[in-house]
Amino acid sequence: MNRTFALTTLAALLAVGISCGRDGSGPVAGNLKIQLTSPNSGADSAIVFTITGPAALTSAAPGTGLRLFAQPLGGTVTRFALTGRLTTSTTILTIGVANVNAVAQYVGTIQGVAQPDYVLRPLPGNYALTVIR
């Protein structure tokens, strides 16, 4: 009887120990998308911006038809430049993050937008970046 009680107690302790910390609300690694809102959709050809978040980005990939220039990933603020035809409501950048549940903590800030003839647009000028899942 003591042996059965000891085995049952051990099994219960193992089950409780294994389930601790598994409430389903922990970090989930994945990708977030950066979308541009522009009053000149398709009429701009370059943008410089920063993404600020709670942790370093794990990856960055340009949207279709765009070329990406980025500083090395590693801090909570990362600067990017994209060239190519910039269109409203399309994904201009996909970033890898340690926790997609923290999407609201990632913010994009535009430093400059250029027309095809390299003339800079005045900012803010109704430009905005949105970070979505």
Protein backbone atom coordinates (compact mmCIF):
# COMPACT_ATOMS: atom_id res chain seq x y z
CA MET A 1 0.00 0.00 0.00
CA ASN A 2 2.84 2.39 0.81
CA ARG A 3 4.41 1.65 -2.55
CA THR A 4 1.16 2.40 -4.43
CA PHE A 5 0.68 5.61 -2.46
CA ALA A 6 4.27 6.68 -3.17
CA LEU A 7 3.91 6.00 -6.92
CA THR A 8 0.58 7.85 -7.07
CA THR A 9 2.03 10.83 -5.22
CA LEU A 10 5.08 10.87 -7.51
CA ALA A 11 2.89 10.75 -10.63
CA ALA A 12 0.73 13.60 -9.32
CA LEU A 13 3.78 15.74 -8.55
CA LEU A 14 5.22 15.11 -12.01
CA ALA A 15 1.91 16.04 -13.66
CA VAL A 16 1.70 19.29 -11.70
CA GLY A 17 5.36 20.11 -12.41
CA ILE A 18 5.01 19.50 -16.13
CA SER A 19 1.87 21.64 -16.43
CA CYS A 20 3.33 24.64 -14.55
CA GLY A 21 4.01 27.56 -16.85
CA ARG A 22 1.80 26.28 -19.64
CA ASP A 23 -1.06 28.72 -19.48
CA GLY A 24 -0.90 29.45 -23.22
CA SER A 25 -0.10 33.14 -22.81
CA GLY A 26 3.66 32.93 -23.25
CA PRO A 27 5.69 34.42 -26.09
CA VAL A 28 4.97 33.14 -29.58
CA ALA A 29 7.70 33.78 -32.16
CA GLY A 30 6.60 34.72 -35.65
CA ASN A 31 6.26 37.48 -38.22
CA LEU A 32 4.65 40.90 -38.21
CA LYS A 33 3.86 42.95 -41.30
CA ILE A 34 4.58 46.63 -41.87
CA GLN A 35 2.09 48.43 -44.11
CA LEU A 36 2.38 51.92 -45.55
CA THR A 37 -0.40 54.48 -45.81
CA SER A 38 0.48 57.07 -48.46
CA PRO A 39 -1.39 59.92 -50.12
CA ASN A 40 0.80 59.26 -53.19
CA SER A 41 0.32 55.53 -53.68
CA GLY A 42 2.62 54.27 -56.43
CA ALA A 43 4.25 57.69 -56.89
CA ASP A 44 7.07 57.25 -54.35
CA SER A 45 10.20 55.19 -54.83
CA ALA A 46 12.09 55.23 -51.51
CA ILE A 47 11.41 55.36 -47.80
CA VAL A 48 13.62 55.51 -44.70
CA PHE A 49 12.06 54.50 -41.39
CA THR A 50 12.71 52.91 -38.00
CA ILE A 51 10.95 50.09 -36.23
CA THR A 52 11.01 50.28 -32.43
CA GLY A 53 9.91 47.40 -30.24
CA PRO A 54 10.38 45.64 -26.91
CA ALA A 55 13.02 43.22 -28.26
CA ALA A 56 15.45 42.90 -31.14
CA LEU A 57 14.04 41.80 -34.49
CA THR A 58 14.98 38.29 -35.59
CA SER A 59 14.61 38.87 -39.35
CA ALA A 60 13.51 41.37 -41.98
CA ALA A 61 12.30 40.78 -45.55
CA PRO A 62 11.15 43.37 -48.11
CA GLY A 63 7.73 43.38 -49.72
CA THR A 64 7.27 42.26 -53.30
CA GLY A 65 9.27 44.35 -55.78
CA LEU A 66 11.15 46.29 -53.08
CA ARG A 67 14.84 46.31 -52.22
CA LEU A 68 15.81 46.41 -48.54
CA PHE A 69 18.74 48.14 -46.90
CA ALA A 70 18.98 47.65 -43.13
CA GLN A 71 21.36 48.13 -40.27
CA PRO A 72 22.34 44.91 -38.48
CA LEU A 73 19.50 43.52 -36.38
CA GLY A 74 20.18 43.46 -32.68
CA GLY A 75 18.73 46.41 -30.80
CA THR A 76 15.24 47.56 -29.93
CA VAL A 77 15.42 50.24 -32.66
CA THR A 78 16.25 49.21 -36.23
CA ARG A 79 16.58 51.55 -39.20
CA PHE A 80 15.52 50.51 -42.70
CA ALA A 81 15.53 51.92 -46.22
CA LEU A 82 13.36 50.49 -48.98
CA THR A 83 13.52 51.33 -52.67
CA GLY A 84 10.99 50.49 -55.34
CA ARG A 85 7.40 51.41 -56.07
CA LEU A 86 5.67 52.11 -52.74
CA THR A 87 1.96 51.34 -52.74
CA THR A 88 -0.61 52.01 -50.03
CA SER A 89 -2.03 49.09 -48.04
CA THR A 90 0.55 46.57 -49.19
CA THR A 91 3.14 44.93 -46.97
CA ILE A 92 6.39 46.80 -47.48
CA LEU A 93 8.33 44.82 -44.85
CA THR A 94 7.91 41.60 -42.88
CA ILE A 95 9.78 41.41 -39.58
CA GLY A 96 10.51 38.41 -37.40
CA VAL A 97 9.87 38.93 -33.70
CA ALA A 98 10.21 36.88 -30.53
CA ASN A 99 6.58 37.50 -29.53
CA VAL A 100 3.83 38.30 -32.03
CA ASN A 101 1.46 38.86 -29.12
CA ALA A 102 3.38 42.10 -28.43
CA VAL A 103 2.34 43.56 -31.81
CA ALA A 104 1.01 46.75 -30.19
CA GLN A 105 4.48 47.48 -28.78
CA TYR A 106 6.09 47.71 -32.24
CA VAL A 107 6.01 51.16 -33.81
CA GLY A 108 7.17 52.41 -37.21
CA THR A 109 8.44 55.98 -37.61
CA ILE A 110 9.09 57.48 -41.05
CA GLN A 111 12.16 59.70 -41.48
CA GLY A 112 11.91 60.33 -45.22
CA VAL A 113 10.03 59.51 -48.42
CA ALA A 114 11.35 60.23 -51.91
CA GLN A 115 9.72 60.57 -55.30
CA PRO A 116 11.20 58.77 -58.34
CA ASP A 117 13.28 61.91 -59.13
CA TYR A 118 14.82 61.72 -55.60
CA VAL A 119 12.98 64.82 -54.37
CA LEU A 120 12.01 64.38 -50.72
CA ARG A 121 8.36 64.71 -49.76
CA PRO A 122 7.43 66.97 -46.84
CA LEU A 123 6.51 64.94 -43.77
CA PRO A 124 4.27 63.93 -42.11
CA GLY A 125 2.16 64.57 -45.24
CA ASN A 126 -0.42 61.91 -44.30
CA TYR A 127 2.14 59.09 -44.40
CA ALA A 128 1.91 56.39 -41.75
CA LEU A 129 3.23 52.92 -40.96
CA THR A 130 1.05 50.25 -39.40
CA VAL A 131 2.35 47.07 -37.73
CA ILE A 132 -0.04 44.10 -37.98
CA ARG A 133 -0.03 40.35 -37.42
